[in-house]
Structures are given as structure tokens and as C-alpha cells.
């Protein structure tokens, strides 16, 4: 079993992500978190690094477990490069949308917005292999985002992590994933090999 895990690019991404999570956490969130004044200070790196640092160790463990569950359920077998490119695109989109749409948000940290997007993309990939599980996963992600946005009840882990959860980051992560899925589907449809007749 461990040999298969070590040989899997999916699990290599999980391992590399965990290393980044822990390293950033040890250095300290203040250096990496999203801050509203990133434009005036020129600290552009915060648009990406914010998503790889956490409020505390409990927050980190929850997101690491969420990523491991995503890989276990969907097994997309993406390259490590594809995992990172998608994560970085989702993270950048979240930070830009937070800047444009959430003027009162002073700071933000956490991988959960990216995680929502990765779950959706992994479910999109899984659809060709297992439609039922793919639809259940995508439905759960979309459903949670809708509940977070439109009901007065708290469906977040705020008490557990000891900080308010920025639910808009989940929404933006999902929207970015939908955009990526649409672009990817269009690209693959337009680049399929055409059958040649004799």
C-alpha cells in the first residue's frame, strides 16, 4: 500500500502541500497572510501565500485532512504540476475577488477556499469514471457553499479553529474551479484527435 502511495503523484502533492503548510506555520502567519493593504505595500506574494498558512495547528490539520480525503475519494491521478497550477490559479482568483468584493476584509489565511475548488475539479475529473460519486461530491460542495451564503446558520468550523471562517473564500474557490473546468473542457474538446477516413 505504501509503495502505491509513494508512487502516486496525487499523494506526492499532498505530502508537498503538508511540508509547505508546516514550514509557513513555523515561520509565522504574519509574513504570509492576505492583507487588505497588499496593493499599497507591494506585497504581491500574499495573494498566493495566504492560502498555504493557517490560523493555528488545528486549522492546518483540518485542511490537510480535507485534502487527503479529496485524494482518497477521487484519485484523479493528476501530475504534481497540474495540482499546483490549479491550486495557484484558484488561490490567486480568491485573493483578487476578496480584494474587489470584500472591502472590509482586512486579513485572511487558509487553504479551504482552494480545497473547495479542488474538490469540484476532482469531481469533474471523476465524472467519466464514476458519475454517482462525482455528482455526490460536487453536489455536497455546491450545497455547502449555498448554505453558507444564504442561511443564517453557522455551517463552518469557526469554533474549532478559533477564528471566523471567510465563507466568501469558499464561494470564490468554487467559482474559480468552475471557470477552470469550463476552460479545460473546451480545450480538450478542441484538441481531440480527429478520425481519418480511408
N, C-alpha and C. Protein backbone atom coordinates (compact mmCIF):
# COMPACT_ATOMS: atom_id res chain seq x y z
N UNK A 1 0.83 -1.20 0.00
CA UNK A 1 0.00 0.00 0.00
C UNK A 1 0.87 1.26 0.00
N UNK A 2 1.90 1.29 0.87
CA UNK A 2 2.77 2.47 0.95
C UNK A 2 3.52 2.71 -0.34
N UNK A 3 3.84 1.61 -1.05
CA UNK A 3 4.52 1.75 -2.34
C UNK A 3 3.63 2.50 -3.33
N UNK A 4 2.34 2.14 -3.34
CA UNK A 4 1.41 2.81 -4.25
C UNK A 4 1.24 4.28 -3.89
N UNK A 5 1.22 4.57 -2.59
CA UNK A 5 1.09 5.96 -2.15
C UNK A 5 2.31 6.76 -2.58
N UNK A 6 3.50 6.18 -2.38
CA UNK A 6 4.73 6.88 -2.76
C UNK A 6 4.83 7.09 -4.27
N UNK A 7 4.26 6.15 -5.03
CA UNK A 7 4.32 6.25 -6.49
C UNK A 7 3.25 7.17 -7.07
N UNK A 8 2.28 7.57 -6.26
CA UNK A 8 1.15 8.37 -6.74
C UNK A 8 1.49 9.86 -6.73
N UNK A 9 1.29 10.53 -7.87
CA UNK A 9 1.51 11.97 -7.93
C UNK A 9 0.49 12.72 -7.06
N UNK A 10 -0.69 12.16 -6.91
CA UNK A 10 -1.71 12.77 -6.04
C UNK A 10 -1.19 12.87 -4.61
N UNK A 11 -0.64 11.77 -4.11
CA UNK A 11 -0.15 11.75 -2.73
C UNK A 11 1.15 12.53 -2.57
N UNK A 12 1.94 12.61 -3.64
CA UNK A 12 3.14 13.46 -3.58
C UNK A 12 2.73 14.92 -3.40
N UNK A 13 1.65 15.32 -4.08
CA UNK A 13 1.15 16.69 -3.91
C UNK A 13 0.68 16.90 -2.47
N UNK A 14 -0.03 15.92 -1.91
CA UNK A 14 -0.47 16.04 -0.52
C UNK A 14 0.73 16.21 0.40
N UNK A 15 1.77 15.39 0.19
CA UNK A 15 2.96 15.47 1.02
C UNK A 15 3.68 16.80 0.89
N UNK A 16 3.83 17.30 -0.34
CA UNK A 16 4.48 18.58 -0.56
C UNK A 16 3.67 19.72 0.04
N UNK A 17 2.35 19.64 -0.10
CA UNK A 17 1.48 20.66 0.49
C UNK A 17 1.64 20.70 2.00
N UNK A 18 1.70 19.52 2.61
CA UNK A 18 1.85 19.45 4.07
C UNK A 18 3.17 20.07 4.51
N UNK A 19 4.23 19.83 3.74
CA UNK A 19 5.53 20.44 4.05
C UNK A 19 5.43 21.96 4.00
N UNK A 20 4.77 22.49 2.97
CA UNK A 20 4.61 23.94 2.85
C UNK A 20 3.77 24.47 4.01
N UNK A 21 2.66 23.79 4.31
CA UNK A 21 1.80 24.20 5.43
C UNK A 21 2.63 24.35 6.71
N UNK A 22 3.38 23.31 7.04
CA UNK A 22 4.13 23.27 8.30
C UNK A 22 5.23 24.32 8.29
N UNK A 23 5.95 24.43 7.18
CA UNK A 23 7.04 25.41 7.08
C UNK A 23 6.52 26.83 7.28
N UNK A 24 5.44 27.17 6.57
CA UNK A 24 4.87 28.51 6.71
C UNK A 24 4.35 28.75 8.13
N UNK A 25 3.77 27.72 8.73
CA UNK A 25 3.24 27.87 10.07
C UNK A 25 4.35 28.12 11.08
N UNK A 26 5.47 27.43 10.89
CA UNK A 26 6.61 27.61 11.80
C UNK A 26 7.22 29.00 11.67
N UNK A 27 7.26 29.52 10.44
CA UNK A 27 7.79 30.87 10.22
C UNK A 27 6.85 31.92 10.81
N UNK A 28 5.55 31.70 10.64
CA UNK A 28 4.56 32.62 11.21
C UNK A 28 3.64 33.20 10.16
N UNK A 29 2.36 33.25 10.48
CA UNK A 29 1.35 33.66 9.51
C UNK A 29 1.47 35.12 9.10
N UNK A 30 2.03 35.97 9.96
CA UNK A 30 2.09 37.40 9.66
C UNK A 30 2.85 37.70 8.37
N UNK A 31 3.82 36.86 8.03
CA UNK A 31 4.62 37.09 6.83
C UNK A 31 3.90 36.67 5.55
N UNK A 32 2.86 35.85 5.69
CA UNK A 32 2.27 35.22 4.51
C UNK A 32 0.79 35.52 4.28
N UNK A 33 0.09 35.96 5.31
CA UNK A 33 -1.36 36.09 5.18
C UNK A 33 -1.78 37.16 4.18
N UNK A 34 -2.98 37.01 3.65
CA UNK A 34 -3.58 38.05 2.80
C UNK A 34 -3.84 39.27 3.69
N UNK A 35 -3.47 40.43 3.20
CA UNK A 35 -3.78 41.68 3.89
C UNK A 35 -4.35 42.67 2.89
N UNK A 36 -5.31 43.41 3.36
CA UNK A 36 -6.03 44.36 2.51
C UNK A 36 -5.09 45.36 1.84
N UNK A 37 -4.00 45.71 2.53
CA UNK A 37 -3.12 46.77 2.01
C UNK A 37 -2.01 46.22 1.11
N UNK A 38 -2.18 45.00 0.57
CA UNK A 38 -1.12 44.41 -0.26
C UNK A 38 -0.80 45.28 -1.48
N UNK A 39 -1.79 46.02 -1.97
CA UNK A 39 -1.57 46.86 -3.14
C UNK A 39 -0.61 48.00 -2.80
N UNK A 40 -0.90 48.71 -1.70
CA UNK A 40 -0.08 49.88 -1.34
C UNK A 40 1.31 49.48 -0.84
N UNK A 41 1.42 48.30 -0.22
CA UNK A 41 2.72 47.86 0.28
C UNK A 41 3.53 47.12 -0.77
N UNK A 42 2.87 46.71 -1.86
CA UNK A 42 3.56 45.97 -2.91
C UNK A 42 3.86 44.52 -2.54
N UNK A 43 3.20 44.01 -1.50
CA UNK A 43 3.45 42.63 -1.04
C UNK A 43 2.57 41.65 -1.82
N UNK A 44 2.88 41.52 -3.09
CA UNK A 44 2.05 40.74 -4.01
C UNK A 44 2.05 39.26 -3.65
N UNK A 45 3.13 38.76 -3.06
CA UNK A 45 3.20 37.34 -2.73
C UNK A 45 2.07 36.89 -1.82
N UNK A 46 1.50 37.84 -1.06
CA UNK A 46 0.43 37.48 -0.12
C UNK A 46 -0.80 36.93 -0.84
N UNK A 47 -0.98 37.27 -2.11
CA UNK A 47 -2.12 36.76 -2.88
C UNK A 47 -2.09 35.24 -2.97
N UNK A 48 -0.90 34.66 -2.94
CA UNK A 48 -0.76 33.21 -3.00
C UNK A 48 -0.44 32.58 -1.65
N UNK A 49 0.51 33.17 -0.93
CA UNK A 49 0.96 32.54 0.31
C UNK A 49 -0.13 32.48 1.37
N UNK A 50 -1.10 33.39 1.29
CA UNK A 50 -2.19 33.41 2.28
C UNK A 50 -2.90 32.07 2.39
N UNK A 51 -2.96 31.34 1.29
CA UNK A 51 -3.74 30.11 1.26
C UNK A 51 -2.96 28.90 1.79
N UNK A 52 -1.68 29.08 2.04
CA UNK A 52 -0.83 27.96 2.48
C UNK A 52 -0.41 28.11 3.94
N UNK A 53 -0.95 29.12 4.61
CA UNK A 53 -0.69 29.33 6.03
C UNK A 53 -2.04 29.33 6.75
N UNK A 54 -2.02 29.03 8.06
CA UNK A 54 -3.27 28.83 8.79
C UNK A 54 -3.29 29.59 10.10
N UNK A 55 -4.50 29.72 10.67
CA UNK A 55 -4.68 30.43 11.94
C UNK A 55 -3.91 29.72 13.05
N UNK A 56 -3.91 28.40 13.02
CA UNK A 56 -3.23 27.61 14.04
C UNK A 56 -3.08 26.18 13.56
N UNK A 57 -2.56 25.33 14.42
CA UNK A 57 -2.29 23.94 14.03
C UNK A 57 -3.57 23.15 13.80
N UNK A 58 -4.62 23.44 14.54
CA UNK A 58 -5.90 22.75 14.32
C UNK A 58 -6.43 23.06 12.93
N UNK A 59 -6.37 24.33 12.56
CA UNK A 59 -6.80 24.76 11.22
C UNK A 59 -5.97 24.04 10.15
N UNK A 60 -4.67 23.96 10.36
CA UNK A 60 -3.78 23.28 9.42
C UNK A 60 -4.16 21.81 9.27
N UNK A 61 -4.35 21.13 10.39
CA UNK A 61 -4.68 19.69 10.36
C UNK A 61 -6.01 19.45 9.65
N UNK A 62 -7.00 20.30 9.90
CA UNK A 62 -8.31 20.15 9.25
C UNK A 62 -8.19 20.25 7.73
N UNK A 63 -7.42 21.23 7.26
CA UNK A 63 -7.26 21.38 5.81
C UNK A 63 -6.42 20.26 5.21
N UNK A 64 -5.40 19.80 5.94
CA UNK A 64 -4.60 18.67 5.46
C UNK A 64 -5.45 17.41 5.35
N UNK A 65 -6.30 17.17 6.35
CA UNK A 65 -7.21 16.02 6.30
C UNK A 65 -8.20 16.16 5.15
N UNK A 66 -8.71 17.36 4.93
CA UNK A 66 -9.63 17.60 3.83
C UNK A 66 -9.00 17.29 2.49
N UNK A 67 -7.72 17.66 2.32
CA UNK A 67 -7.01 17.38 1.08
C UNK A 67 -6.79 15.87 0.92
N UNK A 68 -6.42 15.20 2.00
CA UNK A 68 -6.21 13.75 1.95
C UNK A 68 -7.50 13.01 1.60
N UNK A 69 -8.62 13.46 2.15
CA UNK A 69 -9.92 12.85 1.85
C UNK A 69 -10.28 13.07 0.38
N UNK A 70 -10.00 14.26 -0.12
CA UNK A 70 -10.27 14.57 -1.54
C UNK A 70 -9.53 13.58 -2.44
N UNK A 71 -8.25 13.37 -2.17
CA UNK A 71 -7.45 12.44 -2.97
C UNK A 71 -7.96 11.01 -2.82
N UNK A 72 -8.30 10.61 -1.59
CA UNK A 72 -8.79 9.25 -1.34
C UNK A 72 -10.09 8.96 -2.07
N UNK A 73 -10.99 9.95 -2.10
CA UNK A 73 -12.30 9.74 -2.72
C UNK A 73 -12.26 9.77 -4.24
N UNK A 74 -11.41 10.64 -4.79
CA UNK A 74 -11.49 10.90 -6.23
C UNK A 74 -10.35 10.32 -7.05
N UNK A 75 -9.16 10.15 -6.46
CA UNK A 75 -7.99 9.57 -7.15
C UNK A 75 -7.86 10.10 -8.59
N UNK A 76 -7.69 11.41 -8.78
CA UNK A 76 -7.65 11.94 -10.15
C UNK A 76 -6.38 11.59 -10.94
N UNK A 77 -5.31 11.22 -10.22
CA UNK A 77 -4.05 10.87 -10.87
C UNK A 77 -3.53 12.01 -11.74
N UNK A 78 -3.63 13.24 -11.21
CA UNK A 78 -3.05 14.40 -11.88
C UNK A 78 -1.55 14.44 -11.60
N UNK A 79 -0.83 15.10 -12.46
CA UNK A 79 0.59 15.34 -12.18
C UNK A 79 0.70 16.34 -11.03
N UNK A 80 1.84 16.31 -10.34
CA UNK A 80 2.07 17.28 -9.27
C UNK A 80 1.98 18.70 -9.82
N UNK A 81 2.49 18.89 -11.03
CA UNK A 81 2.44 20.21 -11.67
C UNK A 81 0.99 20.67 -11.85
N UNK A 82 0.13 19.77 -12.32
CA UNK A 82 -1.27 20.15 -12.52
C UNK A 82 -1.94 20.49 -11.19
N UNK A 83 -1.66 19.71 -10.16
CA UNK A 83 -2.20 20.01 -8.83
C UNK A 83 -1.82 21.43 -8.41
N UNK A 84 -0.53 21.74 -8.54
CA UNK A 84 -0.05 23.05 -8.09
C UNK A 84 -0.58 24.18 -8.96
N UNK A 85 -0.59 23.99 -10.27
CA UNK A 85 -1.09 25.05 -11.16
C UNK A 85 -2.55 25.37 -10.85
N UNK A 86 -3.36 24.32 -10.69
CA UNK A 86 -4.78 24.55 -10.37
C UNK A 86 -4.92 25.24 -9.01
N UNK A 87 -4.15 24.79 -8.03
CA UNK A 87 -4.22 25.39 -6.69
C UNK A 87 -3.81 26.85 -6.72
N UNK A 88 -2.73 27.15 -7.45
CA UNK A 88 -2.26 28.54 -7.52
C UNK A 88 -3.26 29.43 -8.26
N UNK A 89 -3.87 28.91 -9.33
CA UNK A 89 -4.90 29.68 -10.05
C UNK A 89 -6.10 29.96 -9.17
N UNK A 90 -6.56 28.94 -8.45
CA UNK A 90 -7.71 29.13 -7.55
C UNK A 90 -7.35 30.13 -6.46
N UNK A 91 -6.17 29.98 -5.86
CA UNK A 91 -5.75 30.88 -4.79
C UNK A 91 -5.65 32.32 -5.25
N UNK A 92 -5.06 32.53 -6.42
CA UNK A 92 -4.94 33.89 -6.96
C UNK A 92 -6.32 34.49 -7.21
N UNK A 93 -7.22 33.69 -7.78
CA UNK A 93 -8.58 34.16 -8.03
C UNK A 93 -9.30 34.54 -6.75
N UNK A 94 -9.15 33.73 -5.71
CA UNK A 94 -9.79 34.03 -4.42
C UNK A 94 -9.28 35.37 -3.88
N UNK A 95 -7.96 35.56 -3.90
CA UNK A 95 -7.39 36.79 -3.34
C UNK A 95 -7.82 38.02 -4.13
N UNK A 96 -7.86 37.91 -5.44
CA UNK A 96 -8.29 39.05 -6.26
C UNK A 96 -9.76 39.36 -6.02
N UNK A 97 -10.59 38.32 -5.95
CA UNK A 97 -12.02 38.54 -5.69
C UNK A 97 -12.25 39.10 -4.29
N UNK A 98 -11.46 38.66 -3.32
CA UNK A 98 -11.56 39.23 -1.97
C UNK A 98 -11.22 40.72 -2.00
N UNK A 99 -10.19 41.08 -2.76
CA UNK A 99 -9.78 42.48 -2.88
C UNK A 99 -10.89 43.32 -3.51
N UNK A 100 -11.53 42.76 -4.54
CA UNK A 100 -12.55 43.51 -5.28
C UNK A 100 -13.91 43.53 -4.59
N UNK A 101 -14.27 42.39 -3.97
CA UNK A 101 -15.64 42.22 -3.47
C UNK A 101 -15.78 42.33 -1.95
N UNK A 102 -14.68 42.27 -1.21
CA UNK A 102 -14.77 42.27 0.25
C UNK A 102 -13.91 43.39 0.83
N UNK A 103 -14.33 44.64 0.68
CA UNK A 103 -13.51 45.77 1.13
C UNK A 103 -13.28 45.81 2.64
N UNK A 104 -14.12 45.15 3.41
CA UNK A 104 -13.97 45.15 4.87
C UNK A 104 -13.11 44.00 5.38
N UNK A 105 -12.64 43.14 4.48
CA UNK A 105 -11.80 42.02 4.89
C UNK A 105 -10.36 42.49 5.02
N UNK A 106 -9.87 42.57 6.25
CA UNK A 106 -8.53 43.10 6.49
C UNK A 106 -7.43 42.04 6.32
N UNK A 107 -7.74 40.79 6.71
CA UNK A 107 -6.76 39.73 6.55
C UNK A 107 -7.45 38.39 6.37
N UNK A 108 -6.70 37.44 5.84
CA UNK A 108 -7.27 36.13 5.54
C UNK A 108 -6.14 35.10 5.46
N UNK A 109 -6.39 33.92 5.99
CA UNK A 109 -5.46 32.79 5.82
C UNK A 109 -6.26 31.51 5.65
N UNK A 110 -5.66 30.51 5.03
CA UNK A 110 -6.28 29.19 4.98
C UNK A 110 -6.42 28.60 3.59
N UNK A 111 -6.37 27.28 3.54
CA UNK A 111 -6.40 26.52 2.30
C UNK A 111 -7.82 26.12 1.89
N UNK A 112 -8.81 26.41 2.74
CA UNK A 112 -10.14 25.85 2.50
C UNK A 112 -10.78 26.35 1.21
N UNK A 113 -10.53 27.59 0.82
CA UNK A 113 -11.08 28.09 -0.44
C UNK A 113 -10.53 27.31 -1.62
N UNK A 114 -9.21 27.09 -1.62
CA UNK A 114 -8.60 26.26 -2.67
C UNK A 114 -9.17 24.85 -2.59
N UNK A 115 -9.33 24.34 -1.38
CA UNK A 115 -9.82 22.97 -1.19
C UNK A 115 -11.21 22.78 -1.79
N UNK A 116 -12.09 23.74 -1.61
CA UNK A 116 -13.42 23.66 -2.22
C UNK A 116 -13.28 23.55 -3.74
N UNK A 117 -12.39 24.37 -4.30
CA UNK A 117 -12.18 24.32 -5.74
C UNK A 117 -11.60 23.00 -6.21
N UNK A 118 -10.64 22.46 -5.45
CA UNK A 118 -10.03 21.19 -5.83
C UNK A 118 -11.03 20.03 -5.75
N UNK A 119 -11.90 20.06 -4.75
CA UNK A 119 -12.94 19.03 -4.66
C UNK A 119 -13.81 19.05 -5.92
N UNK A 120 -14.19 20.26 -6.34
CA UNK A 120 -15.04 20.36 -7.52
C UNK A 120 -14.31 19.87 -8.76
N UNK A 121 -13.06 20.28 -8.94
CA UNK A 121 -12.29 19.85 -10.11
C UNK A 121 -12.04 18.35 -10.10
N UNK A 122 -11.78 17.79 -8.93
CA UNK A 122 -11.57 16.35 -8.83
C UNK A 122 -12.86 15.59 -9.13
N UNK A 123 -14.00 16.14 -8.69
CA UNK A 123 -15.28 15.52 -9.01
C UNK A 123 -15.56 15.61 -10.50
N UNK A 124 -15.22 16.73 -11.10
CA UNK A 124 -15.36 16.91 -12.55
C UNK A 124 -14.55 15.85 -13.30
N UNK A 125 -13.33 15.60 -12.84
CA UNK A 125 -12.47 14.59 -13.45
C UNK A 125 -13.03 13.18 -13.22
N UNK A 126 -13.57 12.95 -12.03
CA UNK A 126 -14.10 11.64 -11.66
C UNK A 126 -15.37 11.27 -12.44
N UNK A 127 -16.08 12.27 -12.94
CA UNK A 127 -17.37 12.05 -13.60
C UNK A 127 -17.30 11.00 -14.71
N UNK A 128 -16.19 10.97 -15.44
CA UNK A 128 -16.06 10.00 -16.54
C UNK A 128 -15.91 8.58 -16.02
N UNK A 129 -15.47 8.42 -14.76
CA UNK A 129 -15.21 7.09 -14.20
C UNK A 129 -16.30 6.62 -13.24
N UNK A 130 -16.88 7.54 -12.50
CA UNK A 130 -17.90 7.17 -11.51
C UNK A 130 -18.85 8.35 -11.34
N UNK A 131 -19.92 8.35 -12.16
CA UNK A 131 -20.81 9.50 -12.19
C UNK A 131 -21.50 9.75 -10.85
N UNK A 132 -21.94 8.69 -10.18
CA UNK A 132 -22.69 8.86 -8.94
C UNK A 132 -21.83 9.54 -7.87
N UNK A 133 -20.64 9.02 -7.62
CA UNK A 133 -19.77 9.60 -6.59
C UNK A 133 -19.39 11.03 -6.98
N UNK A 134 -19.09 11.25 -8.26
CA UNK A 134 -18.73 12.59 -8.73
C UNK A 134 -19.85 13.58 -8.47
N UNK A 135 -21.08 13.19 -8.79
CA UNK A 135 -22.23 14.08 -8.58
C UNK A 135 -22.48 14.33 -7.09
N UNK A 136 -22.28 13.30 -6.28
CA UNK A 136 -22.46 13.46 -4.83
C UNK A 136 -21.45 14.45 -4.26
N UNK A 137 -20.18 14.32 -4.69
CA UNK A 137 -19.14 15.22 -4.19
C UNK A 137 -19.40 16.65 -4.66
N UNK A 138 -19.65 16.82 -5.96
CA UNK A 138 -19.91 18.16 -6.48
C UNK A 138 -21.16 18.77 -5.83
N UNK A 139 -22.20 17.94 -5.65
CA UNK A 139 -23.43 18.42 -5.02
C UNK A 139 -23.19 18.85 -3.58
N UNK A 140 -22.36 18.10 -2.85
CA UNK A 140 -22.06 18.44 -1.46
C UNK A 140 -21.31 19.76 -1.38
N UNK A 141 -20.35 19.96 -2.29
CA UNK A 141 -19.57 21.21 -2.28
C UNK A 141 -20.46 22.40 -2.63
N UNK A 142 -21.24 22.26 -3.70
CA UNK A 142 -22.14 23.35 -4.11
C UNK A 142 -23.17 23.61 -3.02
N UNK A 143 -23.72 22.54 -2.45
CA UNK A 143 -24.71 22.68 -1.40
C UNK A 143 -24.18 23.41 -0.17
N UNK A 144 -22.96 23.07 0.24
CA UNK A 144 -22.37 23.74 1.42
C UNK A 144 -22.14 25.22 1.15
N UNK A 145 -21.67 25.54 -0.04
CA UNK A 145 -21.46 26.95 -0.37
C UNK A 145 -22.79 27.71 -0.35
N UNK A 146 -23.84 27.12 -0.89
CA UNK A 146 -25.16 27.76 -0.89
C UNK A 146 -25.65 27.97 0.54
N UNK A 147 -25.51 26.93 1.38
CA UNK A 147 -25.93 27.06 2.78
C UNK A 147 -25.16 28.16 3.49
N UNK A 148 -23.84 28.21 3.25
CA UNK A 148 -23.02 29.24 3.89
C UNK A 148 -23.43 30.65 3.46
N UNK A 149 -23.85 30.78 2.21
CA UNK A 149 -24.16 32.10 1.67
C UNK A 149 -25.57 32.57 2.01
N UNK A 150 -26.52 31.63 2.09
CA UNK A 150 -27.92 32.04 2.10
C UNK A 150 -28.73 31.60 3.33
N UNK A 151 -28.09 31.01 4.33
CA UNK A 151 -28.83 30.67 5.54
C UNK A 151 -28.19 31.34 6.74
N UNK A 152 -28.97 31.59 7.78
CA UNK A 152 -28.43 32.27 8.97
C UNK A 152 -27.64 31.33 9.89
N UNK A 153 -27.66 30.04 9.62
CA UNK A 153 -26.98 29.09 10.49
C UNK A 153 -25.49 29.01 10.19
N UNK A 154 -24.71 28.66 11.21
CA UNK A 154 -23.26 28.56 11.05
C UNK A 154 -22.89 27.13 10.67
N UNK A 155 -22.46 26.94 9.42
CA UNK A 155 -22.05 25.63 8.93
C UNK A 155 -20.52 25.53 8.84
N UNK A 156 -19.83 26.37 9.59
CA UNK A 156 -18.38 26.42 9.49
C UNK A 156 -17.72 25.82 10.73
N UNK A 157 -16.39 25.76 10.70
CA UNK A 157 -15.61 25.22 11.81
C UNK A 157 -14.98 26.34 12.63
N UNK A 158 -15.65 27.51 12.70
CA UNK A 158 -15.08 28.69 13.35
C UNK A 158 -14.70 28.43 14.80
N UNK A 159 -15.57 27.76 15.55
CA UNK A 159 -15.28 27.49 16.96
C UNK A 159 -14.08 26.57 17.11
N UNK A 160 -13.98 25.61 16.21
CA UNK A 160 -12.89 24.63 16.29
C UNK A 160 -11.54 25.27 16.01
N UNK A 161 -11.47 26.16 15.02
CA UNK A 161 -10.18 26.75 14.66
C UNK A 161 -9.90 28.05 15.43
N UNK A 162 -10.92 28.57 16.12
CA UNK A 162 -10.71 29.75 16.94
C UNK A 162 -10.63 31.06 16.17
N UNK A 163 -11.26 31.10 15.00
CA UNK A 163 -11.27 32.32 14.18
C UNK A 163 -12.46 32.27 13.25
N UNK A 164 -12.97 33.43 12.83
CA UNK A 164 -14.09 33.42 11.88
C UNK A 164 -13.68 32.82 10.55
N UNK A 165 -14.60 32.08 9.94
CA UNK A 165 -14.35 31.48 8.63
C UNK A 165 -14.86 32.44 7.56
N UNK A 166 -14.01 32.71 6.58
CA UNK A 166 -14.40 33.61 5.48
C UNK A 166 -15.09 32.77 4.42
N UNK A 167 -16.39 32.64 4.54
CA UNK A 167 -17.14 31.76 3.65
C UNK A 167 -17.11 32.23 2.19
N UNK A 168 -16.90 33.53 1.99
CA UNK A 168 -16.79 34.01 0.61
C UNK A 168 -15.60 33.37 -0.10
N UNK A 169 -14.56 33.02 0.63
CA UNK A 169 -13.41 32.35 0.02
C UNK A 169 -13.81 31.00 -0.55
N UNK A 170 -14.74 30.31 0.12
CA UNK A 170 -15.25 29.04 -0.39
C UNK A 170 -16.02 29.26 -1.70
N UNK A 171 -16.84 30.30 -1.70
CA UNK A 171 -17.60 30.64 -2.91
C UNK A 171 -16.65 30.98 -4.06
N UNK A 172 -15.66 31.81 -3.78
CA UNK A 172 -14.72 32.21 -4.84
C UNK A 172 -13.89 31.02 -5.33
N UNK A 173 -13.53 30.13 -4.41
CA UNK A 173 -12.80 28.93 -4.81
C UNK A 173 -13.62 28.05 -5.73
N UNK A 174 -14.90 27.92 -5.42
CA UNK A 174 -15.80 27.13 -6.27
C UNK A 174 -15.97 27.80 -7.64
N UNK A 175 -16.16 29.11 -7.66
CA UNK A 175 -16.31 29.83 -8.93
C UNK A 175 -15.06 29.70 -9.80
N UNK A 176 -13.90 29.80 -9.19
CA UNK A 176 -12.66 29.64 -9.94
C UNK A 176 -12.55 28.23 -10.51
N UNK A 177 -12.95 27.23 -9.73
CA UNK A 177 -12.89 25.84 -10.20
C UNK A 177 -13.84 25.61 -11.37
N UNK A 178 -15.03 26.19 -11.30
CA UNK A 178 -15.98 26.08 -12.41
C UNK A 178 -15.38 26.70 -13.67
N UNK A 179 -14.74 27.86 -13.52
CA UNK A 179 -14.11 28.51 -14.67
C UNK A 179 -12.99 27.65 -15.25
N UNK A 180 -12.17 27.07 -14.38
CA UNK A 180 -11.07 26.19 -14.83
C UNK A 180 -11.63 24.96 -15.54
N UNK A 181 -12.69 24.37 -14.98
CA UNK A 181 -13.30 23.18 -15.59
C UNK A 181 -13.85 23.50 -16.97
N UNK A 182 -14.48 24.66 -17.12
CA UNK A 182 -15.02 25.06 -18.42
C UNK A 182 -13.90 25.28 -19.44
N UNK A 183 -12.83 25.94 -19.01
CA UNK A 183 -11.69 26.17 -19.91
C UNK A 183 -11.05 24.85 -20.30
N UNK A 184 -10.86 23.96 -19.32
CA UNK A 184 -10.23 22.67 -19.59
C UNK A 184 -11.09 21.82 -20.52
N UNK A 185 -12.40 21.81 -20.29
CA UNK A 185 -13.30 21.03 -21.14
C UNK A 185 -13.29 21.56 -22.57
N UNK A 186 -13.31 22.88 -22.71
CA UNK A 186 -13.27 23.48 -24.05
C UNK A 186 -11.96 23.14 -24.75
N UNK A 187 -10.86 23.24 -24.01
CA UNK A 187 -9.54 22.94 -24.60
C UNK A 187 -9.45 21.49 -25.06
N UNK A 188 -9.88 20.56 -24.21
CA UNK A 188 -9.77 19.14 -24.57
C UNK A 188 -10.71 18.77 -25.72
N UNK A 189 -11.89 19.41 -25.77
CA UNK A 189 -12.80 19.15 -26.88
C UNK A 189 -12.22 19.63 -28.21
N UNK A 190 -11.54 20.76 -28.17
CA UNK A 190 -10.98 21.35 -29.40
C UNK A 190 -9.66 20.70 -29.82
N UNK A 191 -9.07 19.90 -28.93
CA UNK A 191 -7.78 19.28 -29.26
C UNK A 191 -7.86 17.76 -29.28
N UNK A 192 -9.06 17.22 -29.46
CA UNK A 192 -9.18 15.78 -29.63
C UNK A 192 -8.68 15.39 -31.02
N UNK A 193 -8.00 14.25 -31.13
CA UNK A 193 -7.56 13.82 -32.47
C UNK A 193 -8.76 13.49 -33.33
N UNK A 194 -8.76 13.97 -34.55
CA UNK A 194 -9.88 13.70 -35.45
C UNK A 194 -9.67 12.37 -36.16
N UNK A 195 -10.77 11.66 -36.36
CA UNK A 195 -10.70 10.38 -37.06
C UNK A 195 -10.56 10.62 -38.55
N UNK A 196 -9.69 9.86 -39.14
CA UNK A 196 -9.48 9.98 -40.58
C UNK A 196 -10.10 8.79 -41.29
N UNK A 197 -10.84 9.09 -42.33
CA UNK A 197 -11.46 8.01 -43.09
C UNK A 197 -10.56 7.61 -44.26
N UNK A 198 -10.65 6.34 -44.66
CA UNK A 198 -9.83 5.85 -45.78
C UNK A 198 -10.45 6.23 -47.12
